Amino acid sequence: FFFVAHNKMAEDPDVEYLYRHEVPKLVDWLMVQIMHAMPAEVIPFLTDLMAPKEWFNVHGDRTTLYGPAPCLESSTLPLMFCGDFEQLTPDHEVLAKAVASAAGKAPKKQVHVFFETSALDKGRAPLDEQGLQQRAKPFRGKFDLMLTYTTTFEEKAKLFPHHIFVVPYTVAARLVAPDQQAQLRTVRSVGCSFMVMSH
């Protein structure tokens, strides 16, 4: 629903108003009703899943998402490049296309590449509107970008279940350390996995 509605916004201003103003209210109300009916141990996961994230699509259009990221159809293989992407370099683009090409060999799967980076500044305060737009600018016309308020893969996995996180070898080496095993268990528990890249 969220993905289809977003595509319709440019065609109908009434759809845009509903999507930007009324849908978040409806989502909040539904989540309250669901939480009342859920066991207590499930509530923290739902709260994490519904945390807002800023989605800038390949055209540069911004949407605040509540719930899973778009393109979670069963035929879609979502690859998420996570990192401190204040700039998008030619190396990033080459790697993204190479990884997408390799992953696209999976039978009956359509690859969708996202980049994910922080919506926090270096002092860990949320970026203002100008800061969000500036961080998204290099990706316009090239890739979708997700700006989140997370700092660990455990947090990212809760926001993006069933995604594949693409990370460099140096990050992967840190993730297999003994003190990271609890985080990895959480990542696996929501259907996420890692793809390691090197160059």
C-alpha atoms as a PDB file:
ATOM      1  CA  PHE A   1       0.000   0.000   0.000  1.00  0.00           C
ATOM      2  CA  PHE A   2       2.679   2.516   1.004  1.00  0.00           C
ATOM      3  CA  PHE A   3       4.704   1.937  -2.173  1.00  0.00           C
ATOM      4  CA  VAL A   4       1.671   2.196  -4.504  1.00  0.00           C
ATOM      5  CA  ALA A   5       0.342   5.304  -2.741  1.00  0.00           C
ATOM      6  CA  HIS A   6       3.704   7.009  -3.018  1.00  0.00           C
ATOM      7  CA  ASN A   7       3.770   6.419  -6.777  1.00  0.00           C
ATOM      8  CA  LYS A   8       0.284   7.921  -7.083  1.00  0.00           C
ATOM      9  CA  MET A   9       1.165  11.130  -5.232  1.00  0.00           C
ATOM     10  CA  ALA A  10       2.471  12.895  -8.311  1.00  0.00           C
ATOM     11  CA  GLU A  11      -0.771  12.108 -10.151  1.00  0.00           C
ATOM     12  CA  ASP A  12      -3.296  13.163  -7.540  1.00  0.00           C
ATOM     13  CA  PRO A  13      -2.798  15.893  -4.871  1.00  0.00           C
ATOM     14  CA  ASP A  14      -5.573  14.360  -2.758  1.00  0.00           C
ATOM     15  CA  VAL A  15      -3.590  11.123  -2.555  1.00  0.00           C
ATOM     16  CA  GLU A  16      -0.484  13.103  -1.557  1.00  0.00           C
ATOM     17  CA  TYR A  17      -2.377  14.851   1.279  1.00  0.00           C
ATOM     18  CA  LEU A  18      -3.789  11.572   2.581  1.00  0.00           C
ATOM     19  CA  TYR A  19      -0.401   9.851   2.396  1.00  0.00           C
ATOM     20  CA  ARG A  20       1.543  12.601   4.147  1.00  0.00           C
ATOM     21  CA  HIS A  21      -1.005  13.645   6.773  1.00  0.00           C
ATOM     22  CA  GLU A  22      -3.703  11.045   7.356  1.00  0.00           C
ATOM     23  CA  VAL A  23      -1.908   7.725   6.810  1.00  0.00           C
ATOM     24  CA  PRO A  24       0.597   8.304   9.662  1.00  0.00           C
ATOM     25  CA  LYS A  25      -2.323   8.999  12.019  1.00  0.00           C
ATOM     26  CA  LEU A  26      -4.052   5.810  10.886  1.00  0.00           C
ATOM     27  CA  VAL A  27      -0.859   3.802  11.327  1.00  0.00           C
ATOM     28  CA  ASP A  28      -0.392   5.151  14.855  1.00  0.00           C
ATOM     29  CA  TRP A  29      -3.985   4.260  15.768  1.00  0.00           C
ATOM     30  CA  LEU A  30      -3.664   0.755  14.302  1.00  0.00           C
ATOM     31  CA  MET A  31      -0.436   0.152  16.189  1.00  0.00           C
ATOM     32  CA  VAL A  32      -2.086   1.088  19.479  1.00  0.00           C
ATOM     33  CA  GLN A  33      -4.905  -1.383  18.784  1.00  0.00           C
ATOM     34  CA  ILE A  34      -2.461  -4.126  17.782  1.00  0.00           C
ATOM     35  CA  MET A  35      -0.300  -3.569  20.855  1.00  0.00           C
ATOM     36  CA  HIS A  36      -3.301  -3.911  23.139  1.00  0.00           C
ATOM     37  CA  ALA A  37      -3.916  -7.362  21.663  1.00  0.00           C
ATOM     38  CA  MET A  38      -0.285  -8.524  21.662  1.00  0.00           C
ATOM     39  CA  PRO A  39       1.704 -10.336  24.359  1.00  0.00           C
ATOM     40  CA  ALA A  40       3.941  -7.976  26.314  1.00  0.00           C
ATOM     41  CA  GLU A  41       7.162  -9.464  24.933  1.00  0.00           C
ATOM     42  CA  VAL A  42       6.155  -8.596  21.349  1.00  0.00           C
ATOM     43  CA  ILE A  43       5.511  -4.892  21.983  1.00  0.00           C
ATOM     44  CA  PRO A  44       9.171  -3.722  21.992  1.00  0.00           C
ATOM     45  CA  PHE A  45       9.728  -5.303  18.565  1.00  0.00           C
ATOM     46  CA  LEU A  46       6.642  -3.598  17.111  1.00  0.00           C
ATOM     47  CA  THR A  47       7.710  -0.268  18.561  1.00  0.00           C
ATOM     48  CA  ASP A  48      11.139  -0.585  16.926  1.00  0.00           C
ATOM     49  CA  LEU A  49       9.627  -1.631  13.604  1.00  0.00           C
ATOM     50  CA  MET A  50       7.358   1.419  13.491  1.00  0.00           C
ATOM     51  CA  ALA A  51      10.117   3.925  14.252  1.00  0.00           C
ATOM     52  CA  PRO A  52      10.216   6.602  11.550  1.00  0.00           C
ATOM     53  CA  LYS A  53      12.800   6.598   8.794  1.00  0.00           C
ATOM     54  CA  GLU A  54      13.324   9.076   5.993  1.00  0.00           C
ATOM     55  CA  TRP A  55      13.130   7.577   2.511  1.00  0.00           C
ATOM     56  CA  PHE A  56      14.514   9.535  -0.422  1.00  0.00           C
ATOM     57  CA  ASN A  57      13.674   7.607  -3.571  1.00  0.00           C
ATOM     58  CA  VAL A  58      15.855   7.617  -6.672  1.00  0.00           C
ATOM     59  CA  HIS A  59      14.056  10.750  -7.899  1.00  0.00           C
ATOM     60  CA  GLY A  60      14.847  12.606  -4.676  1.00  0.00           C
ATOM     61  CA  ASP A  61      11.270  12.583  -3.340  1.00  0.00           C
ATOM     62  CA  ARG A  62      11.157  12.343   0.438  1.00  0.00           C
ATOM     63  CA  THR A  63       8.711  10.288   2.495  1.00  0.00           C
ATOM     64  CA  THR A  64       8.689   9.581   6.221  1.00  0.00           C
ATOM     65  CA  LEU A  65       8.032   5.852   6.489  1.00  0.00           C
ATOM     66  CA  TYR A  66       6.363   4.048   9.345  1.00  0.00           C
ATOM     67  CA  GLY A  67       6.680   0.298   9.174  1.00  0.00           C
ATOM     68  CA  PRO A  68       8.806  -1.825   6.844  1.00  0.00           C
ATOM     69  CA  ALA A  69      10.668  -0.240   3.963  1.00  0.00           C
ATOM     70  CA  PRO A  70       9.025  -0.409   0.514  1.00  0.00           C
ATOM     71  CA  CYS A  71       9.639  -3.204  -1.984  1.00  0.00           C
ATOM     72  CA  LEU A  72       9.155  -6.101   0.410  1.00  0.00           C
ATOM     73  CA  GLU A  73       7.218  -8.176  -2.109  1.00  0.00           C
ATOM     74  CA  SER A  74       8.253 -11.820  -2.126  1.00  0.00           C
ATOM     75  CA  SER A  75       9.840 -11.388  -5.566  1.00  0.00           C
ATOM     76  CA  THR A  76      12.100  -8.557  -4.370  1.00  0.00           C
ATOM     77  CA  LEU A  77      15.580  -9.034  -2.945  1.00  0.00           C
ATOM     78  CA  PRO A  78      16.337  -5.882  -0.902  1.00  0.00           C
ATOM     79  CA  LEU A  79      20.046  -5.085  -0.620  1.00  0.00           C
ATOM     80  CA  MET A  80      20.988  -2.348   1.817  1.00  0.00           C
ATOM     81  CA  PHE A  81      24.437  -0.716   1.771  1.00  0.00           C
ATOM     82  CA  CYS A  82      25.007   0.619   5.297  1.00  0.00           C
ATOM     83  CA  GLY A  83      27.635   3.183   6.171  1.00  0.00           C
ATOM     84  CA  ASP A  84      28.582   6.812   6.724  1.00  0.00           C
ATOM     85  CA  PHE A  85      27.663   7.979   3.248  1.00  0.00           C
ATOM     86  CA  GLU A  86      28.065  11.735   3.477  1.00  0.00           C
ATOM     87  CA  GLN A  87      29.163  11.500  -0.155  1.00  0.00           C
ATOM     88  CA  LEU A  88      28.471   8.938  -2.869  1.00  0.00           C
ATOM     89  CA  THR A  89      31.781   8.126  -4.552  1.00  0.00           C
ATOM     90  CA  PRO A  90      32.335   6.400  -7.926  1.00  0.00           C
ATOM     91  CA  ASP A  91      33.659   3.393  -5.970  1.00  0.00           C
ATOM     92  CA  HIS A  92      30.357   3.140  -4.088  1.00  0.00           C
ATOM     93  CA  GLU A  93      28.439   3.176  -7.356  1.00  0.00           C
ATOM     94  CA  VAL A  94      30.612   0.517  -8.975  1.00  0.00           C
ATOM     95  CA  LEU A  95      30.349  -1.758  -5.932  1.00  0.00           C
ATOM     96  CA  ALA A  96      26.593  -1.307  -5.680  1.00  0.00           C
ATOM     97  CA  LYS A  97      26.077  -2.229  -9.331  1.00  0.00           C
ATOM     98  CA  ALA A  98      28.437  -5.205  -9.084  1.00  0.00           C
ATOM     99  CA  VAL A  99      26.765  -6.581  -5.960  1.00  0.00           C
ATOM    100  CA  ALA A 100      23.302  -6.037  -7.432  1.00  0.00           C
ATOM    101  CA  SER A 101      24.352  -7.879 -10.588  1.00  0.00           C
ATOM    102  CA  ALA A 102      25.692 -10.838  -8.604  1.00  0.00           C
ATOM    103  CA  ALA A 103      22.637 -10.992  -6.337  1.00  0.00           C
ATOM    104  CA  GLY A 104      20.338 -10.687  -9.335  1.00  0.00           C
ATOM    105  CA  LYS A 105      21.306 -14.197 -10.410  1.00  0.00           C
ATOM    106  CA  ALA A 106      19.010 -15.578  -7.695  1.00  0.00           C
ATOM    107  CA  PRO A 107      16.064 -17.287  -9.428  1.00  0.00           C
ATOM    108  CA  LYS A 108      12.866 -15.244  -9.761  1.00  0.00           C
ATOM    109  CA  LYS A 109      14.227 -12.364  -7.683  1.00  0.00           C
ATOM    110  CA  GLN A 110      14.302  -8.682  -8.558  1.00  0.00           C
ATOM    111  CA  VAL A 111      17.081  -6.811  -6.777  1.00  0.00           C
ATOM    112  CA  HIS A 112      16.373  -3.414  -5.236  1.00  0.00           C
ATOM    113  CA  VAL A 113      19.378  -1.496  -3.919  1.00  0.00           C
ATOM    114  CA  PHE A 114      19.087   0.916  -1.008  1.00  0.00           C
ATOM    115  CA  PHE A 115      21.781   2.916   0.699  1.00  0.00           C
ATOM    116  CA  GLU A 116      21.327   3.528   4.424  1.00  0.00           C
ATOM    117  CA  THR A 117      23.063   6.132   6.490  1.00  0.00           C
ATOM    118  CA  SER A 118      22.479   8.092   9.658  1.00  0.00           C
ATOM    119  CA  ALA A 119      20.036  10.968  10.068  1.00  0.00           C
ATOM    120  CA  LEU A 120      22.167  12.088  13.009  1.00  0.00           C
ATOM    121  CA  ASP A 121      24.985  14.604  12.842  1.00  0.00           C
ATOM    122  CA  LYS A 122      28.459  13.929  14.222  1.00  0.00           C
ATOM    123  CA  GLY A 123      27.286  14.981  17.670  1.00  0.00           C
ATOM    124  CA  ARG A 124      24.450  12.424  17.426  1.00  0.00           C
ATOM    125  CA  ALA A 125      21.746  15.101  17.223  1.00  0.00           C
ATOM    126  CA  PRO A 126      19.050  14.678  14.533  1.00  0.00           C
ATOM    127  CA  LEU A 127      19.766  16.506  11.289  1.00  0.00           C
ATOM    128  CA  ASP A 128      17.515  19.437  10.446  1.00  0.00           C
ATOM    129  CA  GLU A 129      15.614  19.598   7.161  1.00  0.00           C
ATOM    130  CA  GLN A 130      18.516  21.234   5.352  1.00  0.00           C
ATOM    131  CA  GLY A 131      20.885  18.571   6.660  1.00  0.00           C
ATOM    132  CA  LEU A 132      18.605  15.744   5.507  1.00  0.00           C
ATOM    133  CA  GLN A 133      18.314  17.222   2.030  1.00  0.00           C
ATOM    134  CA  GLN A 134      22.061  17.791   1.801  1.00  0.00           C
ATOM    135  CA  ARG A 135      22.831  14.209   2.791  1.00  0.00           C
ATOM    136  CA  ALA A 136      20.369  12.876   0.223  1.00  0.00           C
ATOM    137  CA  LYS A 137      21.515  15.095  -2.660  1.00  0.00           C
ATOM    138  CA  PRO A 138      24.402  12.885  -3.946  1.00  0.00           C
ATOM    139  CA  PHE A 139      22.027   9.906  -4.330  1.00  0.00           C
ATOM    140  CA  ARG A 140      19.410  11.683  -6.428  1.00  0.00           C
ATOM    141  CA  GLY A 141      18.975  10.038  -9.805  1.00  0.00           C
ATOM    142  CA  LYS A 142      21.133   7.063  -8.773  1.00  0.00           C
ATOM    143  CA  PHE A 143      19.886   5.114  -5.750  1.00  0.00           C
ATOM    144  CA  ASP A 144      17.238   5.089  -3.061  1.00  0.00           C
ATOM    145  CA  LEU A 145      18.476   6.346   0.309  1.00  0.00           C
ATOM    146  CA  MET A 146      17.199   5.522   3.782  1.00  0.00           C
ATOM    147  CA  LEU A 147      18.126   7.896   6.591  1.00  0.00           C
ATOM    148  CA  THR A 148      17.630   6.298  10.002  1.00  0.00           C
ATOM    149  CA  TYR A 149      18.247   7.161  13.632  1.00  0.00           C
ATOM    150  CA  THR A 150      20.102   3.913  14.319  1.00  0.00           C
ATOM    151  CA  THR A 151      23.699   3.185  15.226  1.00  0.00           C
ATOM    152  CA  THR A 152      23.855  -0.649  15.343  1.00  0.00           C
ATOM    153  CA  PHE A 153      22.888  -3.487  13.010  1.00  0.00           C
ATOM    154  CA  GLU A 154      20.622  -4.824  15.716  1.00  0.00           C
ATOM    155  CA  GLU A 155      18.591  -1.617  15.471  1.00  0.00           C
ATOM    156  CA  LYS A 156      18.717  -1.584  11.667  1.00  0.00           C
ATOM    157  CA  ALA A 157      17.482  -5.181  11.444  1.00  0.00           C
ATOM    158  CA  LYS A 158      14.427  -4.335  13.523  1.00  0.00           C
ATOM    159  CA  LEU A 159      13.620  -1.488  11.132  1.00  0.00           C
ATOM    160  CA  PHE A 160      14.295  -3.526   7.988  1.00  0.00           C
ATOM    161  CA  PRO A 161      13.377  -7.184   8.530  1.00  0.00           C
ATOM    162  CA  HIS A 162      14.296  -9.627   5.743  1.00  0.00           C
ATOM    163  CA  HIS A 163      16.874  -7.272   4.252  1.00  0.00           C
ATOM    164  CA  ILE A 164      20.418  -8.166   3.234  1.00  0.00           C
ATOM    165  CA  PHE A 165      22.968  -5.749   4.683  1.00  0.00           C
ATOM    166  CA  VAL A 166      25.948  -5.226   2.390  1.00  0.00           C
ATOM    167  CA  VAL A 167      29.055  -4.430   4.431  1.00  0.00           C
ATOM    168  CA  PRO A 168      32.814  -4.201   3.784  1.00  0.00           C
ATOM    169  CA  TYR A 169      35.121  -6.945   4.998  1.00  0.00           C
ATOM    170  CA  THR A 170      36.439  -4.790   7.845  1.00  0.00           C
ATOM    171  CA  VAL A 171      32.930  -4.404   9.296  1.00  0.00           C
ATOM    172  CA  ALA A 172      32.173  -8.104   8.860  1.00  0.00           C
ATOM    173  CA  ALA A 173      35.359  -8.984  10.759  1.00  0.00           C
ATOM    174  CA  ARG A 174      34.181  -6.920  13.727  1.00  0.00           C
ATOM    175  CA  LEU A 175      30.713  -8.493  13.646  1.00  0.00           C
ATOM    176  CA  VAL A 176      32.037 -12.018  14.239  1.00  0.00           C
ATOM    177  CA  ALA A 177      33.755 -11.030  17.477  1.00  0.00           C
ATOM    178  CA  PRO A 178      32.480 -12.845  20.601  1.00  0.00           C
ATOM    179  CA  ASP A 179      30.934  -9.691  22.060  1.00  0.00           C
ATOM    180  CA  GLN A 180      28.783  -9.266  18.920  1.00  0.00           C
ATOM    181  CA  GLN A 181      27.021 -12.638  19.054  1.00  0.00           C
ATOM    182  CA  ALA A 182      23.891 -11.306  20.785  1.00  0.00           C
ATOM    183  CA  GLN A 183      23.545  -8.645  18.091  1.00  0.00           C
ATOM    184  CA  LEU A 184      23.930 -11.254  15.340  1.00  0.00           C
ATOM    185  CA  ARG A 185      21.246 -13.435  16.915  1.00  0.00           C
ATOM    186  CA  THR A 186      18.828 -10.499  16.797  1.00  0.00           C
ATOM    187  CA  VAL A 187      19.718  -9.816  13.158  1.00  0.00           C
ATOM    188  CA  ARG A 188      19.050 -13.442  12.212  1.00  0.00           C
ATOM    189  CA  SER A 189      15.834 -13.613  14.241  1.00  0.00           C
ATOM    190  CA  VAL A 190      14.134 -11.041  11.978  1.00  0.00           C
ATOM    191  CA  GLY A 191      15.259 -12.691   8.756  1.00  0.00           C
ATOM    192  CA  CYS A 192      18.211 -10.431   7.974  1.00  0.00           C
ATOM    193  CA  SER A 193      21.622 -11.486   6.736  1.00  0.00           C
ATOM    194  CA  PHE A 194      24.909  -9.997   5.572  1.00  0.00           C
ATOM    195  CA  MET A 195      26.668  -9.871   2.239  1.00  0.00           C
ATOM    196  CA  VAL A 196      30.380  -9.077   2.520  1.00  0.00           C
ATOM    197  CA  MET A 197      32.086  -7.039  -0.180  1.00  0.00           C
ATOM    198  CA  SER A 198      35.729  -6.267  -0.772  1.00  0.00           C
ATOM    199  CA  HIS A 199      37.719  -4.460  -3.396  1.00  0.00           C
END
